[in-house]
Amino acid sequence: MTSLGAVGAALGLVPKFQEAGLIDANAIAVFTAMGMCWSGYLSTHTAMLDSLGYRKLTGKAIIAHTIGGLFAGISAHWIFVLISIL
């Protein structure tokens, strides 16, 4: 819940950035995709892997999460571009 709350708070800044002309709809799509993927970083992986007895895999899980977030952002960008073309 804490992780999703942090992402929600970050997304709460979007309207102010949009009013200032700092971001557009594409940036919001990318920001949201990456935020949703990265929302569970430390709180989820550390607690889950520790409870399963695999705390040593936390670093690898975080690296995988990082790569997943980057791919989420890239995918969101290209999906937005494709939808905009249609």
PDB file of N, CA and C in Angstrom:
ATOM      1  N   MET A   1       0.819  -1.197   0.000  1.00  0.00           N
ATOM      2  CA  MET A   1       0.000   0.000   0.000  1.00  0.00           C
ATOM      3  C   MET A   1       0.862   1.260   0.000  1.00  0.00           C
ATOM      4  N   THR A   2       1.958   1.220   0.750  1.00  0.00           N
ATOM      5  CA  THR A   2       2.838   2.387   0.810  1.00  0.00           C
ATOM      6  C   THR A   2       3.397   2.712  -0.563  1.00  0.00           C
ATOM      7  N   SER A   3       3.799   1.667  -1.293  1.00  0.00           N
ATOM      8  CA  SER A   3       4.379   1.878  -2.620  1.00  0.00           C
ATOM      9  C   SER A   3       3.368   2.484  -3.574  1.00  0.00           C
ATOM     10  N   LEU A   4       2.150   1.959  -3.565  1.00  0.00           N
ATOM     11  CA  LEU A   4       1.119   2.514  -4.439  1.00  0.00           C
ATOM     12  C   LEU A   4       0.764   3.929  -4.024  1.00  0.00           C
ATOM     13  N   GLY A   5       0.821   4.198  -2.731  1.00  0.00           N
ATOM     14  CA  GLY A   5       0.555   5.554  -2.250  1.00  0.00           C
ATOM     15  C   GLY A   5       1.593   6.538  -2.763  1.00  0.00           C
ATOM     16  N   ALA A   6       2.857   6.109  -2.797  1.00  0.00           N
ATOM     17  CA  ALA A   6       3.919   6.977  -3.299  1.00  0.00           C
ATOM     18  C   ALA A   6       3.720   7.262  -4.781  1.00  0.00           C
ATOM     19  N   VAL A   7       3.353   6.243  -5.543  1.00  0.00           N
ATOM     20  CA  VAL A   7       3.099   6.444  -6.969  1.00  0.00           C
ATOM     21  C   VAL A   7       1.878   7.340  -7.157  1.00  0.00           C
ATOM     22  N   GLY A   8       0.858   7.129  -6.353  1.00  0.00           N
ATOM     23  CA  GLY A   8      -0.330   7.977  -6.433  1.00  0.00           C
ATOM     24  C   GLY A   8       0.003   9.434  -6.131  1.00  0.00           C
ATOM     25  N   ALA A   9       0.849   9.649  -5.137  1.00  0.00           N
ATOM     26  CA  ALA A   9       1.250  11.020  -4.803  1.00  0.00           C
ATOM     27  C   ALA A   9       2.040  11.644  -5.952  1.00  0.00           C
ATOM     28  N   ALA A  10       2.915  10.858  -6.568  1.00  0.00           N
ATOM     29  CA  ALA A  10       3.686  11.360  -7.709  1.00  0.00           C
ATOM     30  C   ALA A  10       2.757  11.685  -8.881  1.00  0.00           C
ATOM     31  N   LEU A  11       1.781  10.820  -9.108  1.00  0.00           N
ATOM     32  CA  LEU A  11       0.825  11.076 -10.192  1.00  0.00           C
ATOM     33  C   LEU A  11      -0.032  12.302  -9.897  1.00  0.00           C
ATOM     34  N   GLY A  12      -0.167  12.629  -8.615  1.00  0.00           N
ATOM     35  CA  GLY A  12      -0.922  13.817  -8.235  1.00  0.00           C
ATOM     36  C   GLY A  12      -0.262  15.111  -8.716  1.00  0.00           C
ATOM     37  N   LEU A  13       1.023  15.050  -9.038  1.00  0.00           N
ATOM     38  CA  LEU A  13       1.731  16.220  -9.552  1.00  0.00           C
ATOM     39  C   LEU A  13       1.464  16.474 -11.031  1.00  0.00           C
ATOM     40  N   VAL A  14       0.935  15.466 -11.705  1.00  0.00           N
ATOM     41  CA  VAL A  14       0.722  15.550 -13.158  1.00  0.00           C
ATOM     42  C   VAL A  14      -0.107  16.772 -13.568  1.00  0.00           C
ATOM     43  N   PRO A  15      -1.244  17.068 -12.924  1.00  0.00           N
ATOM     44  CA  PRO A  15      -2.027  18.231 -13.369  1.00  0.00           C
ATOM     45  C   PRO A  15      -1.241  19.547 -13.321  1.00  0.00           C
ATOM     46  N   LYS A  16      -0.414  19.721 -12.295  1.00  0.00           N
ATOM     47  CA  LYS A  16       0.376  20.959 -12.195  1.00  0.00           C
ATOM     48  C   LYS A  16       1.414  21.023 -13.311  1.00  0.00           C
ATOM     49  N   PHE A  17       2.054  19.895 -13.600  1.00  0.00           N
ATOM     50  CA  PHE A  17       3.023  19.858 -14.694  1.00  0.00           C
ATOM     51  C   PHE A  17       2.337  20.122 -16.032  1.00  0.00           C
ATOM     52  N   GLN A  18       1.130  19.582 -16.177  1.00  0.00           N
ATOM     53  CA  GLN A  18       0.388  19.758 -17.427  1.00  0.00           C
ATOM     54  C   GLN A  18      -0.029  21.225 -17.601  1.00  0.00           C
ATOM     55  N   GLU A  19      -0.477  21.847 -16.523  1.00  0.00           N
ATOM     56  CA  GLU A  19      -0.853  23.266 -16.589  1.00  0.00           C
ATOM     57  C   GLU A  19       0.337  24.144 -16.954  1.00  0.00           C
ATOM     58  N   ALA A  20       1.520  23.762 -16.475  1.00  0.00           N
ATOM     59  CA  ALA A  20       2.736  24.529 -16.759  1.00  0.00           C
ATOM     60  C   ALA A  20       3.298  24.214 -18.145  1.00  0.00           C
ATOM     61  N   GLY A  21       2.685  23.246 -18.834  1.00  0.00           N
ATOM     62  CA  GLY A  21       3.140  22.888 -20.174  1.00  0.00           C
ATOM     63  C   GLY A  21       4.412  22.058 -20.189  1.00  0.00           C
ATOM     64  N   LEU A  22       4.708  21.416 -19.062  1.00  0.00           N
ATOM     65  CA  LEU A  22       5.942  20.627 -18.967  1.00  0.00           C
ATOM     66  C   LEU A  22       5.795  19.209 -19.501  1.00  0.00           C
ATOM     67  N   ILE A  23       4.559  18.691 -19.546  1.00  0.00           N
ATOM     68  CA  ILE A  23       4.350  17.329 -20.020  1.00  0.00           C
ATOM     69  C   ILE A  23       3.123  17.270 -20.923  1.00  0.00           C
ATOM     70  N   ASP A  24       3.095  16.211 -21.727  1.00  0.00           N
ATOM     71  CA  ASP A  24       1.943  15.988 -22.600  1.00  0.00           C
ATOM     72  C   ASP A  24       1.355  14.611 -22.288  1.00  0.00           C
ATOM     73  N   ALA A  25       0.366  14.204 -23.050  1.00  0.00           N
ATOM     74  CA  ALA A  25      -0.309  12.927 -22.788  1.00  0.00           C
ATOM     75  C   ALA A  25       0.631  11.734 -22.926  1.00  0.00           C
ATOM     76  N   ASN A  26       1.570  11.799 -23.866  1.00  0.00           N
ATOM     77  CA  ASN A  26       2.530  10.711 -24.039  1.00  0.00           C
ATOM     78  C   ASN A  26       3.387  10.550 -22.782  1.00  0.00           C
ATOM     79  N   ALA A  27       3.876  11.646 -22.251  1.00  0.00           N
ATOM     80  CA  ALA A  27       4.691  11.597 -21.039  1.00  0.00           C
ATOM     81  C   ALA A  27       3.890  11.052 -19.857  1.00  0.00           C
ATOM     82  N   ILE A  28       2.614  11.399 -19.776  1.00  0.00           N
ATOM     83  CA  ILE A  28       1.768  10.888 -18.700  1.00  0.00           C
ATOM     84  C   ILE A  28       1.604   9.380 -18.823  1.00  0.00           C
ATOM     85  N   ALA A  29       1.428   8.886 -20.051  1.00  0.00           N
ATOM     86  CA  ALA A  29       1.307   7.437 -20.268  1.00  0.00           C
ATOM     87  C   ALA A  29       2.580   6.713 -19.835  1.00  0.00           C
ATOM     88  N   VAL A  30       3.722   7.256 -20.216  1.00  0.00           N
ATOM     89  CA  VAL A  30       5.004   6.642 -19.854  1.00  0.00           C
ATOM     90  C   VAL A  30       5.203   6.695 -18.337  1.00  0.00           C
ATOM     91  N   PHE A  31       4.954   7.850 -17.749  1.00  0.00           N
ATOM     92  CA  PHE A  31       5.112   8.047 -16.309  1.00  0.00           C
ATOM     93  C   PHE A  31       4.236   7.078 -15.518  1.00  0.00           C
ATOM     94  N   THR A  32       2.995   6.915 -15.945  1.00  0.00           N
ATOM     95  CA  THR A  32       2.062   6.013 -15.271  1.00  0.00           C
ATOM     96  C   THR A  32       2.505   4.560 -15.399  1.00  0.00           C
ATOM     97  N   ALA A  33       2.909   4.147 -16.605  1.00  0.00           N
ATOM     98  CA  ALA A  33       3.339   2.762 -16.818  1.00  0.00           C
ATOM     99  C   ALA A  33       4.560   2.423 -15.964  1.00  0.00           C
ATOM    100  N   MET A  34       5.525   3.312 -15.966  1.00  0.00           N
ATOM    101  CA  MET A  34       6.732   3.060 -15.173  1.00  0.00           C
ATOM    102  C   MET A  34       6.420   3.093 -13.676  1.00  0.00           C
ATOM    103  N   GLY A  35       5.576   4.030 -13.262  1.00  0.00           N
ATOM    104  CA  GLY A  35       5.218   4.127 -11.847  1.00  0.00           C
ATOM    105  C   GLY A  35       4.491   2.896 -11.349  1.00  0.00           C
ATOM    106  N   MET A  36       3.582   2.378 -12.144  1.00  0.00           N
ATOM    107  CA  MET A  36       2.841   1.182 -11.733  1.00  0.00           C
ATOM    108  C   MET A  36       3.766  -0.033 -11.661  1.00  0.00           C
ATOM    109  N   CYS A  37       4.712  -0.110 -12.561  1.00  0.00           N
ATOM    110  CA  CYS A  37       5.643  -1.240 -12.545  1.00  0.00           C
ATOM    111  C   CYS A  37       6.611  -1.126 -11.369  1.00  0.00           C
ATOM    112  N   TRP A  38       7.057   0.067 -11.089  1.00  0.00           N
ATOM    113  CA  TRP A  38       8.055   0.257 -10.041  1.00  0.00           C
ATOM    114  C   TRP A  38       7.448   0.464  -8.659  1.00  0.00           C
ATOM    115  N   SER A  39       6.145   0.433  -8.539  1.00  0.00           N
ATOM    116  CA  SER A  39       5.516   0.750  -7.253  1.00  0.00           C
ATOM    117  C   SER A  39       5.847  -0.246  -6.154  1.00  0.00           C
ATOM    118  N   GLY A  40       6.208  -1.459  -6.503  1.00  0.00           N
ATOM    119  CA  GLY A  40       6.459  -2.469  -5.484  1.00  0.00           C
ATOM    120  C   GLY A  40       7.901  -2.699  -5.116  1.00  0.00           C
ATOM    121  N   TYR A  41       8.800  -1.917  -5.697  1.00  0.00           N
ATOM    122  CA  TYR A  41      10.235  -2.110  -5.518  1.00  0.00           C
ATOM    123  C   TYR A  41      10.663  -2.766  -4.215  1.00  0.00           C
ATOM    124  N   LEU A  42      11.024  -1.976  -3.239  1.00  0.00           N
ATOM    125  CA  LEU A  42      11.613  -2.530  -2.024  1.00  0.00           C
ATOM    126  C   LEU A  42      10.605  -3.180  -1.098  1.00  0.00           C
ATOM    127  N   SER A  43       9.458  -2.551  -0.926  1.00  0.00           N
ATOM    128  CA  SER A  43       8.509  -3.083   0.045  1.00  0.00           C
ATOM    129  C   SER A  43       8.027  -4.476  -0.332  1.00  0.00           C
ATOM    130  N   THR A  44       7.731  -4.693  -1.589  1.00  0.00           N
ATOM    131  CA  THR A  44       7.203  -5.990  -2.007  1.00  0.00           C
ATOM    132  C   THR A  44       8.292  -7.052  -2.047  1.00  0.00           C
ATOM    133  N   HIS A  45       9.356  -6.783  -2.777  1.00  0.00           N
ATOM    134  CA  HIS A  45      10.371  -7.814  -2.978  1.00  0.00           C
ATOM    135  C   HIS A  45      11.099  -8.192  -1.702  1.00  0.00           C
ATOM    136  N   THR A  46      11.476  -7.219  -0.920  1.00  0.00           N
ATOM    137  CA  THR A  46      12.222  -7.519   0.299  1.00  0.00           C
ATOM    138  C   THR A  46      11.385  -8.367   1.256  1.00  0.00           C
ATOM    139  N   ALA A  47      10.153  -7.957   1.502  1.00  0.00           N
ATOM    140  CA  ALA A  47       9.293  -8.697   2.434  1.00  0.00           C
ATOM    141  C   ALA A  47       8.937 -10.073   1.888  1.00  0.00           C
ATOM    142  N   MET A  48       8.582 -10.144   0.622  1.00  0.00           N
ATOM    143  CA  MET A  48       8.164 -11.417   0.030  1.00  0.00           C
ATOM    144  C   MET A  48       9.315 -12.416   0.007  1.00  0.00           C
ATOM    145  N   LEU A  49      10.461 -12.002  -0.494  1.00  0.00           N
ATOM    146  CA  LEU A  49      11.582 -12.928  -0.595  1.00  0.00           C
ATOM    147  C   LEU A  49      12.134 -13.293   0.776  1.00  0.00           C
ATOM    148  N   ASP A  50      12.087 -12.367   1.711  1.00  0.00           N
ATOM    149  CA  ASP A  50      12.534 -12.668   3.071  1.00  0.00           C
ATOM    150  C   ASP A  50      11.625 -13.709   3.716  1.00  0.00           C
ATOM    151  N   SER A  51      10.319 -13.563   3.534  1.00  0.00           N
ATOM    152  CA  SER A  51       9.382 -14.520   4.133  1.00  0.00           C
ATOM    153  C   SER A  51       9.493 -15.902   3.492  1.00  0.00           C
ATOM    154  N   LEU A  52       9.919 -15.949   2.235  1.00  0.00           N
ATOM    155  CA  LEU A  52      10.100 -17.238   1.558  1.00  0.00           C
ATOM    156  C   LEU A  52      11.476 -17.851   1.807  1.00  0.00           C
ATOM    157  N   GLY A  53      12.332 -17.083   2.491  1.00  0.00           N
ATOM    158  CA  GLY A  53      13.672 -17.579   2.779  1.00  0.00           C
ATOM    159  C   GLY A  53      14.660 -17.382   1.632  1.00  0.00           C
ATOM    160  N   TYR A  54      14.370 -16.463   0.731  1.00  0.00           N
ATOM    161  CA  TYR A  54      15.230 -16.203  -0.418  1.00  0.00           C
ATOM    162  C   TYR A  54      15.671 -14.746  -0.481  1.00  0.00           C
ATOM    163  N   ARG A  55      16.029 -14.187   0.662  1.00  0.00           N
ATOM    164  CA  ARG A  55      16.413 -12.772   0.707  1.00  0.00           C
ATOM    165  C   ARG A  55      17.585 -12.471  -0.228  1.00  0.00           C
ATOM    166  N   LYS A  56      18.438 -13.461  -0.469  1.00  0.00           N
ATOM    167  CA  LYS A  56      19.608 -13.252  -1.330  1.00  0.00           C
ATOM    168  C   LYS A  56      19.210 -12.946  -2.782  1.00  0.00           C
ATOM    169  N   LEU A  57      17.970 -13.226  -3.160  1.00  0.00           N
ATOM    170  CA  LEU A  57      17.502 -12.957  -4.522  1.00  0.00           C
ATOM    171  C   LEU A  57      16.905 -11.565  -4.679  1.00  0.00           C
ATOM    172  N   THR A  58      16.871 -10.787  -3.596  1.00  0.00           N
ATOM    173  CA  THR A  58      16.258  -9.459  -3.641  1.00  0.00           C
ATOM    174  C   THR A  58      16.913  -8.568  -4.695  1.00  0.00           C
ATOM    175  N   GLY A  59      18.237  -8.583  -4.759  1.00  0.00           N
ATOM    176  CA  GLY A  59      18.947  -7.754  -5.747  1.00  0.00           C
ATOM    177  C   GLY A  59      18.562  -8.104  -7.165  1.00  0.00           C
ATOM    178  N   LYS A  60      18.476  -9.404  -7.446  1.00  0.00           N
ATOM    179  CA  LYS A  60      18.096  -9.837  -8.791  1.00  0.00           C
ATOM    180  C   LYS A  60      16.651  -9.444  -9.103  1.00  0.00           C
ATOM    181  N   ALA A  61      15.784  -9.537  -8.112  1.00  0.00           N
ATOM    182  CA  ALA A  61      14.386  -9.163  -8.314  1.00  0.00           C
ATOM    183  C   ALA A  61      14.264  -7.667  -8.611  1.00  0.00           C
ATOM    184  N   ILE A  62      15.048  -6.864  -7.912  1.00  0.00           N
ATOM    185  CA  ILE A  62      15.008  -5.420  -8.132  1.00  0.00           C
ATOM    186  C   ILE A  62      15.541  -5.073  -9.518  1.00  0.00           C
ATOM    187  N   ILE A  63      16.589  -5.759  -9.955  1.00  0.00           N
ATOM    188  CA  ILE A  63      17.113  -5.534 -11.312  1.00  0.00           C
ATOM    189  C   ILE A  63      16.048  -5.902 -12.344  1.00  0.00           C
ATOM    190  N   ALA A  64      15.384  -7.041 -12.145  1.00  0.00           N
ATOM    191  CA  ALA A  64      14.325  -7.458 -13.072  1.00  0.00           C
ATOM    192  C   ALA A  64      13.182  -6.441 -13.076  1.00  0.00           C
ATOM    193  N   HIS A  65      12.855  -5.906 -11.905  1.00  0.00           N
ATOM    194  CA  HIS A  65      11.797  -4.901 -11.795  1.00  0.00           C
ATOM    195  C   HIS A  65      12.195  -3.622 -12.527  1.00  0.00           C
ATOM    196  N   THR A  66      13.456  -3.248 -12.417  1.00  0.00           N
ATOM    197  CA  THR A  66      13.959  -2.057 -13.098  1.00  0.00           C
ATOM    198  C   THR A  66      13.837  -2.216 -14.610  1.00  0.00           C
ATOM    199  N   ILE A  67      14.273  -3.346 -15.112  1.00  0.00           N
ATOM    200  CA  ILE A  67      14.183  -3.618 -16.545  1.00  0.00           C
ATOM    201  C   ILE A  67      12.719  -3.646 -16.989  1.00  0.00           C
ATOM    202  N   GLY A  68      11.858  -4.260 -16.173  1.00  0.00           N
ATOM    203  CA  GLY A  68      10.431  -4.293 -16.484  1.00  0.00           C
ATOM    204  C   GLY A  68       9.832  -2.900 -16.565  1.00  0.00           C
ATOM    205  N   GLY A  69      10.229  -2.016 -15.659  1.00  0.00           N
ATOM    206  CA  GLY A  69       9.735  -0.639 -15.673  1.00  0.00           C
ATOM    207  C   GLY A  69      10.180   0.118 -16.912  1.00  0.00           C
ATOM    208  N   LEU A  70      11.426  -0.116 -17.324  1.00  0.00           N
ATOM    209  CA  LEU A  70      11.912   0.530 -18.542  1.00  0.00           C
ATOM    210  C   LEU A  70      11.135   0.043 -19.761  1.00  0.00           C
ATOM    211  N   PHE A  71      10.911  -1.265 -19.829  1.00  0.00           N
ATOM    212  CA  PHE A  71      10.123  -1.804 -20.937  1.00  0.00           C
ATOM    213  C   PHE A  71       8.673  -1.321 -20.889  1.00  0.00           C
ATOM    214  N   ALA A  72       8.131  -1.157 -19.684  1.00  0.00           N
ATOM    215  CA  ALA A  72       6.769  -0.629 -19.554  1.00  0.00           C
ATOM    216  C   ALA A  72       6.692   0.786 -20.113  1.00  0.00           C
ATOM    217  N   GLY A  73       7.687   1.602 -19.799  1.00  0.00           N
ATOM    218  CA  GLY A  73       7.718   2.966 -20.314  1.00  0.00           C
ATOM    219  C   GLY A  73       7.857   3.019 -21.825  1.00  0.00           C
ATOM    220  N   ILE A  74       8.758   2.198 -22.354  1.00  0.00           N
ATOM    221  CA  ILE A  74       8.958   2.146 -23.804  1.00  0.00           C
ATOM    222  C   ILE A  74       7.693   1.655 -24.497  1.00  0.00           C
ATOM    223  N   SER A  75       7.088   0.611 -23.928  1.00  0.00           N
ATOM    224  CA  SER A  75       5.846   0.070 -24.510  1.00  0.00           C
ATOM    225  C   SER A  75       4.729   1.101 -24.477  1.00  0.00           C
ATOM    226  N   ALA A  76       4.592   1.791 -23.350  1.00  0.00           N
ATOM    227  CA  ALA A  76       3.542   2.813 -23.234  1.00  0.00           C
ATOM    228  C   ALA A  76       3.738   3.903 -24.287  1.00  0.00           C
ATOM    229  N   HIS A  77       4.983   4.305 -24.504  1.00  0.00           N
ATOM    230  CA  HIS A  77       5.267   5.325 -25.514  1.00  0.00           C
ATOM    231  C   HIS A  77       4.823   4.868 -26.893  1.00  0.00           C
ATOM    232  N   TRP A  78       5.233   3.669 -27.292  1.00  0.00           N
ATOM    233  CA  TRP A  78       4.915   3.198 -28.646  1.00  0.00           C
ATOM    234  C   TRP A  78       3.436   2.869 -28.818  1.00  0.00           C
ATOM    235  N   ILE A  79       2.801   2.380 -27.766  1.00  0.00           N
ATOM    236  CA  ILE A  79       1.353   2.153 -27.846  1.00  0.00           C
ATOM    237  C   ILE A  79       0.641   3.495 -28.019  1.00  0.00           C
ATOM    238  N   PHE A  80       1.085   4.511 -27.288  1.00  0.00           N
ATOM    239  CA  PHE A  80       0.500   5.847 -27.430  1.00  0.00           C
ATOM    240  C   PHE A  80       0.691   6.369 -28.851  1.00  0.00           C
ATOM    241  N   VAL A  81       1.901   6.191 -29.393  1.00  0.00           N
ATOM    242  CA  VAL A  81       2.176   6.655 -30.752  1.00  0.00           C
ATOM    243  C   VAL A  81       1.267   5.935 -31.756  1.00  0.00           C
ATOM    244  N   LEU A  82       1.127   4.624 -31.620  1.00  0.00           N
ATOM    245  CA  LEU A  82       0.263   3.865 -32.536  1.00  0.00           C
ATOM    246  C   LEU A  82      -1.192   4.294 -32.449  1.00  0.00           C
ATOM    247  N   ILE A  83      -1.666   4.484 -31.227  1.00  0.00           N
ATOM    248  CA  ILE A  83      -3.058   4.923 -31.052  1.00  0.00           C
ATOM    249  C   ILE A  83      -3.249   6.334 -31.617  1.00  0.00           C
ATOM    250  N   SER A  84      -2.250   7.186 -31.453  1.00  0.00           N
ATOM    251  CA  SER A  84      -2.343   8.550 -31.983  1.00  0.00           C
ATOM    252  C   SER A  84      -2.405   8.563 -33.499  1.00  0.00           C
ATOM    253  N   ILE A  85      -1.725   7.620 -34.142  1.00  0.00           N
ATOM    254  CA  ILE A  85      -1.724   7.536 -35.602  1.00  0.00           C
ATOM    255  C   ILE A  85      -3.097   7.120 -36.128  1.00  0.00           C
ATOM    256  N   LEU A  86      -3.740   6.222 -35.381  1.00  0.00           N
ATOM    257  CA  LEU A  86      -5.053   5.737 -35.807  1.00  0.00           C
ATOM    258  C   LEU A  86      -6.062   6.824 -35.609  1.00  0.00           C
TER     259      LEU A  86
END
